Amino acid sequence: MKKMLLVLFTVFSFFAIGFTQVAFAADLDNGEKVFSANCAACHAGGNNAIMPDKTLKKDVLEANSMNGIDAITYQVKNGKNAMPAFGGRLVDEDIEDAASYVLSQSEKGW
């Protein structure tokens, strides 16, 4: 009986972990599409056409405390300086996917 319960618990745990990861995994393909349609005009290649020193490069994101999903999504939703707010134009999931795409690309060096 104990072995059967252990097996059932183990199987349930694997399913629960698997579904949790799927639910929270960013869709980088969607993030790339959202970025291309909404961000690339100013941030192509991780650059910044308006404020050249505020790029999306890894070292600059780190220096400006923008190297996390929460920080990027907050700025995208609310805007800052010359950057418009996208919170009223994009759904949260698209913003989070785009933020994940930015972080992924910054890790790769754009």
PDB file of N, CA and C in Angstrom:
ATOM      1  N   MET A   1       0.822  -1.200   0.000  1.00  0.00           N
ATOM      2  CA  MET A   1       0.000   0.000   0.000  1.00  0.00           C
ATOM      3  C   MET A   1       0.867   1.266   0.000  1.00  0.00           C
ATOM      4  N   LYS A   2       1.925   1.258   0.841  1.00  0.00           N
ATOM      5  CA  LYS A   2       2.802   2.424   0.908  1.00  0.00           C
ATOM      6  C   LYS A   2       3.503   2.654  -0.432  1.00  0.00           C
ATOM      7  N   LYS A   3       3.926   1.543  -1.065  1.00  0.00           N
ATOM      8  CA  LYS A   3       4.588   1.661  -2.364  1.00  0.00           C
ATOM      9  C   LYS A   3       3.642   2.237  -3.405  1.00  0.00           C
ATOM     10  N   MET A   4       2.417   1.800  -3.369  1.00  0.00           N
ATOM     11  CA  MET A   4       1.430   2.291  -4.329  1.00  0.00           C
ATOM     12  C   MET A   4       1.182   3.783  -4.125  1.00  0.00           C
ATOM     13  N   LEU A   5       1.070   4.216  -2.884  1.00  0.00           N
ATOM     14  CA  LEU A   5       0.884   5.635  -2.593  1.00  0.00           C
ATOM     15  C   LEU A   5       2.107   6.440  -3.027  1.00  0.00           C
ATOM     16  N   LEU A   6       3.290   5.897  -2.808  1.00  0.00           N
ATOM     17  CA  LEU A   6       4.518   6.569  -3.215  1.00  0.00           C
ATOM     18  C   LEU A   6       4.567   6.715  -4.735  1.00  0.00           C
ATOM     19  N   VAL A   7       4.199   5.675  -5.445  1.00  0.00           N
ATOM     20  CA  VAL A   7       4.183   5.729  -6.910  1.00  0.00           C
ATOM     21  C   VAL A   7       3.169   6.762  -7.386  1.00  0.00           C
ATOM     22  N   LEU A   8       1.980   6.747  -6.820  1.00  0.00           N
ATOM     23  CA  LEU A   8       0.957   7.713  -7.210  1.00  0.00           C
ATOM     24  C   LEU A   8       1.404   9.142  -6.909  1.00  0.00           C
ATOM     25  N   PHE A   9       2.011   9.364  -5.747  1.00  0.00           N
ATOM     26  CA  PHE A   9       2.506  10.690  -5.388  1.00  0.00           C
ATOM     27  C   PHE A   9       3.581  11.137  -6.374  1.00  0.00           C
ATOM     28  N   THR A  10       4.497  10.245  -6.719  1.00  0.00           N
ATOM     29  CA  THR A  10       5.576  10.567  -7.649  1.00  0.00           C
ATOM     30  C   THR A  10       5.021  10.929  -9.021  1.00  0.00           C
ATOM     31  N   VAL A  11       4.093  10.132  -9.520  1.00  0.00           N
ATOM     32  CA  VAL A  11       3.485  10.411 -10.823  1.00  0.00           C
ATOM     33  C   VAL A  11       2.742  11.742 -10.779  1.00  0.00           C
ATOM     34  N   PHE A  12       1.960  11.959  -9.741  1.00  0.00           N
ATOM     35  CA  PHE A  12       1.229  13.222  -9.609  1.00  0.00           C
ATOM     36  C   PHE A  12       2.196  14.400  -9.568  1.00  0.00           C
ATOM     37  N   SER A  13       3.303  14.261  -8.840  1.00  0.00           N
ATOM     38  CA  SER A  13       4.289  15.341  -8.733  1.00  0.00           C
ATOM     39  C   SER A  13       4.878  15.694 -10.080  1.00  0.00           C
ATOM     40  N   PHE A  14       5.220  14.687 -10.875  1.00  0.00           N
ATOM     41  CA  PHE A  14       5.781  14.946 -12.208  1.00  0.00           C
ATOM     42  C   PHE A  14       4.781  15.690 -13.086  1.00  0.00           C
ATOM     43  N   PHE A  15       3.510  15.267 -13.035  1.00  0.00           N
ATOM     44  CA  PHE A  15       2.496  15.961 -13.824  1.00  0.00           C
ATOM     45  C   PHE A  15       2.305  17.395 -13.342  1.00  0.00           C
ATOM     46  N   ALA A  16       2.236  17.584 -12.036  1.00  0.00           N
ATOM     47  CA  ALA A  16       2.032  18.921 -11.479  1.00  0.00           C
ATOM     48  C   ALA A  16       3.181  19.842 -11.846  1.00  0.00           C
ATOM     49  N   ILE A  17       4.405  19.370 -11.724  1.00  0.00           N
ATOM     50  CA  ILE A  17       5.574  20.182 -12.072  1.00  0.00           C
ATOM     51  C   ILE A  17       5.571  20.487 -13.561  1.00  0.00           C
ATOM     52  N   GLY A  18       5.281  19.503 -14.370  1.00  0.00           N
ATOM     53  CA  GLY A  18       5.254  19.705 -15.821  1.00  0.00           C
ATOM     54  C   GLY A  18       4.222  20.730 -16.242  1.00  0.00           C
ATOM     55  N   PHE A  19       3.022  20.638 -15.692  1.00  0.00           N
ATOM     56  CA  PHE A  19       1.976  21.593 -16.045  1.00  0.00           C
ATOM     57  C   PHE A  19       2.281  22.982 -15.522  1.00  0.00           C
ATOM     58  N   THR A  20       2.889  23.078 -14.373  1.00  0.00           N
ATOM     59  CA  THR A  20       3.257  24.383 -13.820  1.00  0.00           C
ATOM     60  C   THR A  20       4.280  25.058 -14.718  1.00  0.00           C
ATOM     61  N   GLN A  21       5.264  24.314 -15.171  1.00  0.00           N
ATOM     62  CA  GLN A  21       6.286  24.892 -16.041  1.00  0.00           C
ATOM     63  C   GLN A  21       5.682  25.356 -17.355  1.00  0.00           C
ATOM     64  N   VAL A  22       4.764  24.595 -17.901  1.00  0.00           N
ATOM     65  CA  VAL A  22       4.133  24.988 -19.148  1.00  0.00           C
ATOM     66  C   VAL A  22       3.319  26.265 -18.952  1.00  0.00           C
ATOM     67  N   ALA A  23       2.617  26.354 -17.833  1.00  0.00           N
ATOM     68  CA  ALA A  23       1.761  27.505 -17.575  1.00  0.00           C
ATOM     69  C   ALA A  23       2.563  28.791 -17.416  1.00  0.00           C
ATOM     70  N   PHE A  24       3.790  28.691 -16.899  1.00  0.00           N
ATOM     71  CA  PHE A  24       4.563  29.882 -16.634  1.00  0.00           C
ATOM     72  C   PHE A  24       5.674  30.115 -17.653  1.00  0.00           C
ATOM     73  N   ALA A  25       5.829  29.228 -18.599  1.00  0.00           N
ATOM     74  CA  ALA A  25       6.889  29.383 -19.584  1.00  0.00           C
ATOM     75  C   ALA A  25       6.539  30.504 -20.559  1.00  0.00           C
ATOM     76  N   ALA A  26       7.529  31.325 -20.835  1.00  0.00           N
ATOM     77  CA  ALA A  26       7.322  32.417 -21.781  1.00  0.00           C
ATOM     78  C   ALA A  26       7.322  31.862 -23.198  1.00  0.00           C
ATOM     79  N   ASP A  27       6.571  32.483 -24.040  1.00  0.00           N
ATOM     80  CA  ASP A  27       6.518  32.122 -25.452  1.00  0.00           C
ATOM     81  C   ASP A  27       7.447  33.080 -26.191  1.00  0.00           C
ATOM     82  N   LEU A  28       8.690  32.646 -26.397  1.00  0.00           N
ATOM     83  CA  LEU A  28       9.686  33.518 -27.025  1.00  0.00           C
ATOM     84  C   LEU A  28       9.353  33.823 -28.477  1.00  0.00           C
ATOM     85  N   ASP A  29       8.697  32.894 -29.165  1.00  0.00           N
ATOM     86  CA  ASP A  29       8.287  33.170 -30.544  1.00  0.00           C
ATOM     87  C   ASP A  29       7.270  34.309 -30.568  1.00  0.00           C
ATOM     88  N   ASN A  30       6.301  34.244 -29.659  1.00  0.00           N
ATOM     89  CA  ASN A  30       5.328  35.334 -29.563  1.00  0.00           C
ATOM     90  C   ASN A  30       6.029  36.615 -29.126  1.00  0.00           C
ATOM     91  N   GLY A  31       6.959  36.505 -28.180  1.00  0.00           N
ATOM     92  CA  GLY A  31       7.705  37.668 -27.726  1.00  0.00           C
ATOM     93  C   GLY A  31       8.453  38.349 -28.851  1.00  0.00           C
ATOM     94  N   GLU A  32       9.027  37.555 -29.740  1.00  0.00           N
ATOM     95  CA  GLU A  32       9.733  38.122 -30.897  1.00  0.00           C
ATOM     96  C   GLU A  32       8.759  38.847 -31.818  1.00  0.00           C
ATOM     97  N   LYS A  33       7.590  38.267 -32.035  1.00  0.00           N
ATOM     98  CA  LYS A  33       6.586  38.907 -32.887  1.00  0.00           C
ATOM     99  C   LYS A  33       6.103  40.223 -32.286  1.00  0.00           C
ATOM    100  N   VAL A  34       5.827  40.207 -30.974  1.00  0.00           N
ATOM    101  CA  VAL A  34       5.364  41.414 -30.289  1.00  0.00           C
ATOM    102  C   VAL A  34       6.458  42.477 -30.343  1.00  0.00           C
ATOM    103  N   PHE A  35       7.699  42.075 -30.085  1.00  0.00           N
ATOM    104  CA  PHE A  35       8.834  43.003 -30.127  1.00  0.00           C
ATOM    105  C   PHE A  35       8.975  43.607 -31.527  1.00  0.00           C
ATOM    106  N   SER A  36       8.929  42.759 -32.545  1.00  0.00           N
ATOM    107  CA  SER A  36       9.078  43.236 -33.925  1.00  0.00           C
ATOM    108  C   SER A  36       7.988  44.226 -34.313  1.00  0.00           C
ATOM    109  N   ALA A  37       6.767  43.971 -33.856  1.00  0.00           N
ATOM    110  CA  ALA A  37       5.636  44.822 -34.230  1.00  0.00           C
ATOM    111  C   ALA A  37       5.551  46.113 -33.417  1.00  0.00           C
ATOM    112  N   ASN A  38       6.094  46.115 -32.194  1.00  0.00           N
ATOM    113  CA  ASN A  38       5.876  47.253 -31.310  1.00  0.00           C
ATOM    114  C   ASN A  38       7.136  47.941 -30.799  1.00  0.00           C
ATOM    115  N   CYS A  39       8.247  47.248 -30.798  1.00  0.00           N
ATOM    116  CA  CYS A  39       9.445  47.770 -30.138  1.00  0.00           C
ATOM    117  C   CYS A  39      10.617  48.009 -31.095  1.00  0.00           C
ATOM    118  N   ALA A  40      10.669  47.228 -32.168  1.00  0.00           N
ATOM    119  CA  ALA A  40      11.840  47.244 -33.043  1.00  0.00           C
ATOM    120  C   ALA A  40      12.076  48.589 -33.726  1.00  0.00           C
ATOM    121  N   ALA A  41      11.044  49.401 -33.878  1.00  0.00           N
ATOM    122  CA  ALA A  41      11.240  50.704 -34.521  1.00  0.00           C
ATOM    123  C   ALA A  41      12.281  51.524 -33.768  1.00  0.00           C
ATOM    124  N   CYS A  42      12.291  51.425 -32.463  1.00  0.00           N
ATOM    125  CA  CYS A  42      13.271  52.160 -31.645  1.00  0.00           C
ATOM    126  C   CYS A  42      14.381  51.264 -31.108  1.00  0.00           C
ATOM    127  N   HIS A  43      14.100  49.962 -30.973  1.00  0.00           N
ATOM    128  CA  HIS A  43      15.039  49.063 -30.292  1.00  0.00           C
ATOM    129  C   HIS A  43      15.567  47.941 -31.179  1.00  0.00           C
ATOM    130  N   ALA A  44      15.649  48.140 -32.467  1.00  0.00           N
ATOM    131  CA  ALA A  44      16.158  47.098 -33.367  1.00  0.00           C
ATOM    132  C   ALA A  44      17.560  46.687 -32.944  1.00  0.00           C
ATOM    133  N   GLY A  45      17.775  45.388 -32.903  1.00  0.00           N
ATOM    134  CA  GLY A  45      19.092  44.871 -32.543  1.00  0.00           C
ATOM    135  C   GLY A  45      19.504  45.164 -31.113  1.00  0.00           C
ATOM    136  N   GLY A  46      18.531  45.504 -30.272  1.00  0.00           N
ATOM    137  CA  GLY A  46      18.838  45.813 -28.881  1.00  0.00           C
ATOM    138  C   GLY A  46      19.344  47.225 -28.673  1.00  0.00           C
ATOM    139  N   ASN A  47      19.312  48.023 -29.705  1.00  0.00           N
ATOM    140  CA  ASN A  47      19.771  49.410 -29.607  1.00  0.00           C
ATOM    141  C   ASN A  47      18.634  50.315 -29.143  1.00  0.00           C
ATOM    142  N   ASN A  48      18.897  51.608 -29.102  1.00  0.00           N
ATOM    143  CA  ASN A  48      17.874  52.578 -28.743  1.00  0.00           C
ATOM    144  C   ASN A  48      18.068  53.795 -29.648  1.00  0.00           C
ATOM    145  N   ALA A  49      17.161  53.980 -30.576  1.00  0.00           N
ATOM    146  CA  ALA A  49      17.279  55.056 -31.564  1.00  0.00           C
ATOM    147  C   ALA A  49      17.018  56.431 -30.953  1.00  0.00           C
ATOM    148  N   ILE A  50      16.309  56.496 -29.839  1.00  0.00           N
ATOM    149  CA  ILE A  50      15.950  57.771 -29.224  1.00  0.00           C
ATOM    150  C   ILE A  50      16.980  58.192 -28.172  1.00  0.00           C
ATOM    151  N   MET A  51      17.332  57.269 -27.296  1.00  0.00           N
ATOM    152  CA  MET A  51      18.314  57.521 -26.234  1.00  0.00           C
ATOM    153  C   MET A  51      19.424  56.474 -26.375  1.00  0.00           C
ATOM    154  N   PRO A  52      20.429  56.747 -27.200  1.00  0.00           N
ATOM    155  CA  PRO A  52      21.430  55.742 -27.553  1.00  0.00           C
ATOM    156  C   PRO A  52      22.154  55.070 -26.384  1.00  0.00           C
ATOM    157  N   ASP A  53      22.225  55.708 -25.244  1.00  0.00           N
ATOM    158  CA  ASP A  53      22.906  55.090 -24.103  1.00  0.00           C
ATOM    159  C   ASP A  53      21.998  54.139 -23.314  1.00  0.00           C
ATOM    160  N   LYS A  54      20.713  54.088 -23.614  1.00  0.00           N
ATOM    161  CA  LYS A  54      19.757  53.225 -22.918  1.00  0.00           C
ATOM    162  C   LYS A  54      19.367  52.045 -23.806  1.00  0.00           C
ATOM    163  N   THR A  55      20.348  51.228 -24.139  1.00  0.00           N
ATOM    164  CA  THR A  55      20.093  50.082 -25.010  1.00  0.00           C
ATOM    165  C   THR A  55      19.496  48.925 -24.226  1.00  0.00           C
ATOM    166  N   LEU A  56      19.224  47.862 -24.939  1.00  0.00           N
ATOM    167  CA  LEU A  56      18.720  46.635 -24.330  1.00  0.00           C
ATOM    168  C   LEU A  56      19.831  45.596 -24.226  1.00  0.00           C
ATOM    169  N   LYS A  57      21.067  46.052 -24.245  1.00  0.00           N
ATOM    170  CA  LYS A  57      22.220  45.165 -24.094  1.00  0.00           C
ATOM    171  C   LYS A  57      22.325  44.744 -22.629  1.00  0.00           C
ATOM    172  N   LYS A  58      22.852  43.565 -22.409  1.00  0.00           N
ATOM    173  CA  LYS A  58      22.892  42.970 -21.079  1.00  0.00           C
ATOM    174  C   LYS A  58      23.531  43.891 -20.040  1.00  0.00           C
ATOM    175  N   ASP A  59      24.688  44.458 -20.343  1.00  0.00           N
ATOM    176  CA  ASP A  59      25.384  45.284 -19.356  1.00  0.00           C
ATOM    177  C   ASP A  59      24.608  46.555 -19.024  1.00  0.00           C
ATOM    178  N   VAL A  60      23.935  47.123 -20.015  1.00  0.00           N
ATOM    179  CA  VAL A  60      23.151  48.344 -19.788  1.00  0.00           C
ATOM    180  C   VAL A  60      21.886  48.021 -18.989  1.00  0.00           C
ATOM    181  N   LEU A  61      21.235  46.908 -19.310  1.00  0.00           N
ATOM    182  CA  LEU A  61      20.064  46.500 -18.538  1.00  0.00           C
ATOM    183  C   LEU A  61      20.442  46.290 -17.075  1.00  0.00           C
ATOM    184  N   GLU A  62      21.570  45.630 -16.844  1.00  0.00           N
ATOM    185  CA  GLU A  62      22.026  45.405 -15.474  1.00  0.00           C
ATOM    186  C   GLU A  62      22.343  46.720 -14.769  1.00  0.00           C
ATOM    187  N   ALA A  63      23.050  47.604 -15.439  1.00  0.00           N
ATOM    188  CA  ALA A  63      23.439  48.883 -14.840  1.00  0.00           C
ATOM    189  C   ALA A  63      22.227  49.739 -14.469  1.00  0.00           C
ATOM    190  N   ASN A  64      21.129  49.574 -15.213  1.00  0.00           N
ATOM    191  CA  ASN A  64      19.920  50.367 -14.969  1.00  0.00           C
ATOM    192  C   ASN A  64      18.847  49.593 -14.200  1.00  0.00           C
ATOM    193  N   SER A  65      19.232  48.475 -13.610  1.00  0.00           N
ATOM    194  CA  SER A  65      18.301  47.613 -12.861  1.00  0.00           C
ATOM    195  C   SER A  65      17.084  47.231 -13.699  1.00  0.00           C
ATOM    196  N   MET A  66      17.310  46.970 -14.961  1.00  0.00           N
ATOM    197  CA  MET A  66      16.240  46.571 -15.880  1.00  0.00           C
ATOM    198  C   MET A  66      16.446  45.142 -16.388  1.00  0.00           C
ATOM    199  N   ASN A  67      17.174  44.337 -15.637  1.00  0.00           N
ATOM    200  CA  ASN A  67      17.516  42.994 -16.094  1.00  0.00           C
ATOM    201  C   ASN A  67      16.623  41.916 -15.490  1.00  0.00           C
ATOM    202  N   GLY A  68      15.338  42.223 -15.358  1.00  0.00           N
ATOM    203  CA  GLY A  68      14.374  41.241 -14.870  1.00  0.00           C
ATOM    204  C   GLY A  68      13.024  41.438 -15.538  1.00  0.00           C
ATOM    205  N   ILE A  69      12.238  40.396 -15.571  1.00  0.00           N
ATOM    206  CA  ILE A  69      10.914  40.435 -16.205  1.00  0.00           C
ATOM    207  C   ILE A  69      10.045  41.521 -15.582  1.00  0.00           C
ATOM    208  N   ASP A  70      10.029  41.601 -14.254  1.00  0.00           N
ATOM    209  CA  ASP A  70       9.171  42.585 -13.586  1.00  0.00           C
ATOM    210  C   ASP A  70       9.542  44.017 -13.962  1.00  0.00           C
ATOM    211  N   ALA A  71      10.826  44.316 -13.980  1.00  0.00           N
ATOM    212  CA  ALA A  71      11.268  45.676 -14.305  1.00  0.00           C
ATOM    213  C   ALA A  71      10.922  46.036 -15.744  1.00  0.00           C
ATOM    214  N   ILE A  72      11.160  45.118 -16.661  1.00  0.00           N
ATOM    215  CA  ILE A  72      10.877  45.390 -18.078  1.00  0.00           C
ATOM    216  C   ILE A  72       9.379  45.508 -18.305  1.00  0.00           C
ATOM    217  N   THR A  73       8.598  44.579 -17.755  1.00  0.00           N
ATOM    218  CA  THR A  73       7.149  44.654 -17.977  1.00  0.00           C
ATOM    219  C   THR A  73       6.571  45.933 -17.387  1.00  0.00           C
ATOM    220  N   TYR A  74       7.072  46.365 -16.235  1.00  0.00           N
ATOM    221  CA  TYR A  74       6.591  47.612 -15.633  1.00  0.00           C
ATOM    222  C   TYR A  74       6.844  48.797 -16.573  1.00  0.00           C
ATOM    223  N   GLN A  75       8.054  48.865 -17.129  1.00  0.00           N
ATOM    224  CA  GLN A  75       8.372  49.982 -18.017  1.00  0.00           C
ATOM    225  C   GLN A  75       7.569  49.915 -19.311  1.00  0.00           C
ATOM    226  N   VAL A  76       7.402  48.724 -19.847  1.00  0.00           N
ATOM    227  CA  VAL A  76       6.624  48.592 -21.085  1.00  0.00           C
ATOM    228  C   VAL A  76       5.174  48.993 -20.835  1.00  0.00           C
ATOM    229  N   LYS A  77       4.602  48.551 -19.733  1.00  0.00           N
ATOM    230  CA  LYS A  77       3.211  48.891 -19.425  1.00  0.00           C
ATOM    231  C   LYS A  77       3.013  50.382 -19.178  1.00  0.00           C
ATOM    232  N   ASN A  78       3.938  50.989 -18.449  1.00  0.00           N
ATOM    233  CA  ASN A  78       3.759  52.365 -17.987  1.00  0.00           C
ATOM    234  C   ASN A  78       4.530  53.417 -18.766  1.00  0.00           C
ATOM    235  N   GLY A  79       5.508  53.005 -19.560  1.00  0.00           N
ATOM    236  CA  GLY A  79       6.333  53.958 -20.288  1.00  0.00           C
ATOM    237  C   GLY A  79       7.274  54.697 -19.355  1.00  0.00           C
ATOM    238  N   LYS A  80       8.186  55.458 -19.945  1.00  0.00           N
ATOM    239  CA  LYS A  80       9.119  56.271 -19.166  1.00  0.00           C
ATOM    240  C   LYS A  80       9.882  57.158 -20.138  1.00  0.00           C
ATOM    241  N   ASN A  81      10.006  58.421 -19.778  1.00  0.00           N
ATOM    242  CA  ASN A  81      10.685  59.393 -20.639  1.00  0.00           C
ATOM    243  C   ASN A  81      10.066  59.366 -22.040  1.00  0.00           C
ATOM    244  N   ALA A  82      10.877  59.112 -23.059  1.00  0.00           N
ATOM    245  CA  ALA A  82      10.374  59.123 -24.433  1.00  0.00           C
ATOM    246  C   ALA A  82       9.616  57.846 -24.808  1.00  0.00           C
ATOM    247  N   MET A  83       9.693  56.823 -23.970  1.00  0.00           N
ATOM    248  CA  MET A  83       9.026  55.560 -24.284  1.00  0.00           C
ATOM    249  C   MET A  83       7.551  55.636 -23.903  1.00  0.00           C
ATOM    250  N   PRO A  84       6.678  55.369 -24.867  1.00  0.00           N
ATOM    251  CA  PRO A  84       5.239  55.395 -24.562  1.00  0.00           C
ATOM    252  C   PRO A  84       4.823  54.171 -23.745  1.00  0.00           C
ATOM    253  N   ALA A  85       3.700  54.282 -23.073  1.00  0.00           N
ATOM    254  CA  ALA A  85       3.135  53.160 -22.322  1.00  0.00           C
ATOM    255  C   ALA A  85       2.391  52.233 -23.286  1.00  0.00           C
ATOM    256  N   PHE A  86       2.629  50.950 -23.145  1.00  0.00           N
ATOM    257  CA  PHE A  86       1.953  49.962 -23.981  1.00  0.00           C
ATOM    258  C   PHE A  86       0.905  49.178 -23.202  1.00  0.00           C
ATOM    259  N   GLY A  87       0.695  49.522 -21.936  1.00  0.00           N
ATOM    260  CA  GLY A  87      -0.261  48.803 -21.098  1.00  0.00           C
ATOM    261  C   GLY A  87      -1.674  48.823 -21.633  1.00  0.00           C
ATOM    262  N   GLY A  88      -2.061  49.872 -22.305  1.00  0.00           N
ATOM    263  CA  GLY A  88      -3.398  49.951 -22.864  1.00  0.00           C
ATOM    264  C   GLY A  88      -3.513  49.354 -24.250  1.00  0.00           C
ATOM    265  N   ARG A  89      -2.383  49.017 -24.845  1.00  0.00           N
ATOM    266  CA  ARG A  89      -2.372  48.488 -26.221  1.00  0.00           C
ATOM    267  C   ARG A  89      -2.107  46.991 -26.298  1.00  0.00           C
ATOM    268  N   LEU A  90      -1.340  46.484 -25.327  1.00  0.00           N
ATOM    269  CA  LEU A  90      -0.955  45.075 -25.349  1.00  0.00           C
ATOM    270  C   LEU A  90      -1.476  44.378 -24.098  1.00  0.00           C
ATOM    271  N   VAL A  91      -1.812  43.103 -24.232  1.00  0.00           N
ATOM    272  CA  VAL A  91      -2.227  42.319 -23.073  1.00  0.00           C
ATOM    273  C   VAL A  91      -0.995  41.921 -22.269  1.00  0.00           C
ATOM    274  N   ASP A  92      -1.202  41.631 -20.991  1.00  0.00           N
ATOM    275  CA  ASP A  92      -0.091  41.304 -20.090  1.00  0.00           C
ATOM    276  C   ASP A  92       0.769  40.159 -20.615  1.00  0.00           C
ATOM    277  N   GLU A  93       0.139  39.135 -21.157  1.00  0.00           N
ATOM    278  CA  GLU A  93       0.883  37.978 -21.660  1.00  0.00           C
ATOM    279  C   GLU A  93       1.840  38.381 -22.777  1.00  0.00           C
ATOM    280  N   ASP A  94       1.403  39.232 -23.689  1.00  0.00           N
ATOM    281  CA  ASP A  94       2.273  39.682 -24.776  1.00  0.00           C
ATOM    282  C   ASP A  94       3.435  40.515 -24.241  1.00  0.00           C
ATOM    283  N   ILE A  95       3.160  41.342 -23.248  1.00  0.00           N
ATOM    284  CA  ILE A  95       4.222  42.159 -22.649  1.00  0.00           C
ATOM    285  C   ILE A  95       5.246  41.263 -21.954  1.00  0.00           C
ATOM    286  N   GLU A  96       4.783  40.275 -21.225  1.00  0.00           N
ATOM    287  CA  GLU A  96       5.688  39.351 -20.546  1.00  0.00           C
ATOM    288  C   GLU A  96       6.499  38.531 -21.546  1.00  0.00           C
ATOM    289  N   ASP A  97       5.870  38.106 -22.627  1.00  0.00           N
ATOM    290  CA  ASP A  97       6.594  37.367 -23.660  1.00  0.00           C
ATOM    291  C   ASP A  97       7.667  38.247 -24.307  1.00  0.00           C
ATOM    292  N   ALA A  98       7.327  39.500 -24.581  1.00  0.00           N
ATOM    293  CA  ALA A  98       8.299  40.424 -25.166  1.00  0.00           C
ATOM    294  C   ALA A  98       9.448  40.685 -24.193  1.00  0.00           C
ATOM    295  N   ALA A  99       9.143  40.830 -22.910  1.00  0.00           N
ATOM    296  CA  ALA A  99      10.187  41.036 -21.898  1.00  0.00           C
ATOM    297  C   ALA A  99      11.109  39.819 -21.832  1.00  0.00           C
ATOM    298  N   SER A 100      10.546  38.640 -21.902  1.00  0.00           N
ATOM    299  CA  SER A 100      11.359  37.420 -21.896  1.00  0.00           C
ATOM    300  C   SER A 100      12.228  37.343 -23.144  1.00  0.00           C
ATOM    301  N   TYR A 101      11.678  37.747 -24.267  1.00  0.00           N
ATOM    302  CA  TYR A 101      12.443  37.785 -25.512  1.00  0.00           C
ATOM    303  C   TYR A 101      13.623  38.758 -25.386  1.00  0.00           C
ATOM    304  N   VAL A 102      13.374  39.949 -24.826  1.00  0.00           N
ATOM    305  CA  VAL A 102      14.439  40.938 -24.641  1.00  0.00           C
ATOM    306  C   VAL A 102      15.553  40.363 -23.771  1.00  0.00           C
ATOM    307  N   LEU A 103      15.189  39.746 -22.653  1.00  0.00           N
ATOM    308  CA  LEU A 103      16.199  39.167 -21.771  1.00  0.00           C
ATOM    309  C   LEU A 103      16.962  38.042 -22.458  1.00  0.00           C
ATOM    310  N   SER A 104      16.240  37.224 -23.197  1.00  0.00           N
ATOM    311  CA  SER A 104      16.882  36.148 -23.937  1.00  0.00           C
ATOM    312  C   SER A 104      17.888  36.671 -24.955  1.00  0.00           C
ATOM    313  N   GLN A 105      17.478  37.677 -25.687  1.00  0.00           N
ATOM    314  CA  GLN A 105      18.374  38.271 -26.691  1.00  0.00           C
ATOM    315  C   GLN A 105      19.558  38.989 -26.035  1.00  0.00           C
ATOM    316  N   SER A 106      19.320  39.636 -24.914  1.00  0.00           N
ATOM    317  CA  SER A 106      20.436  40.312 -24.237  1.00  0.00           C
ATOM    318  C   SER A 106      21.473  39.306 -23.768  1.00  0.00           C
ATOM    319  N   GLU A 107      21.034  38.135 -23.336  1.00  0.00           N
ATOM    320  CA  GLU A 107      21.959  37.072 -22.932  1.00  0.00           C
ATOM    321  C   GLU A 107      22.775  36.582 -24.123  1.00  0.00           C
ATOM    322  N   LYS A 108      22.176  36.589 -25.299  1.00  0.00           N
ATOM    323  CA  LYS A 108      22.856  36.127 -26.510  1.00  0.00           C
ATOM    324  C   LYS A 108      23.705  37.217 -27.154  1.00  0.00           C
ATOM    325  N   GLY A 109      23.592  38.462 -26.658  1.00  0.00           N
ATOM    326  CA  GLY A 109      24.353  39.557 -27.254  1.00  0.00           C
ATOM    327  C   GLY A 109      23.675  40.199 -28.448  1.00  0.00           C
ATOM    328  N   TRP A 110      22.378  39.948 -28.586  1.00  0.00           N
ATOM    329  CA  TRP A 110      21.590  40.478 -29.697  1.00  0.00           C
ATOM    330  C   TRP A 110      22.237  40.046 -30.988  1.00  0.00           C
TER     331      TRP A 110
END
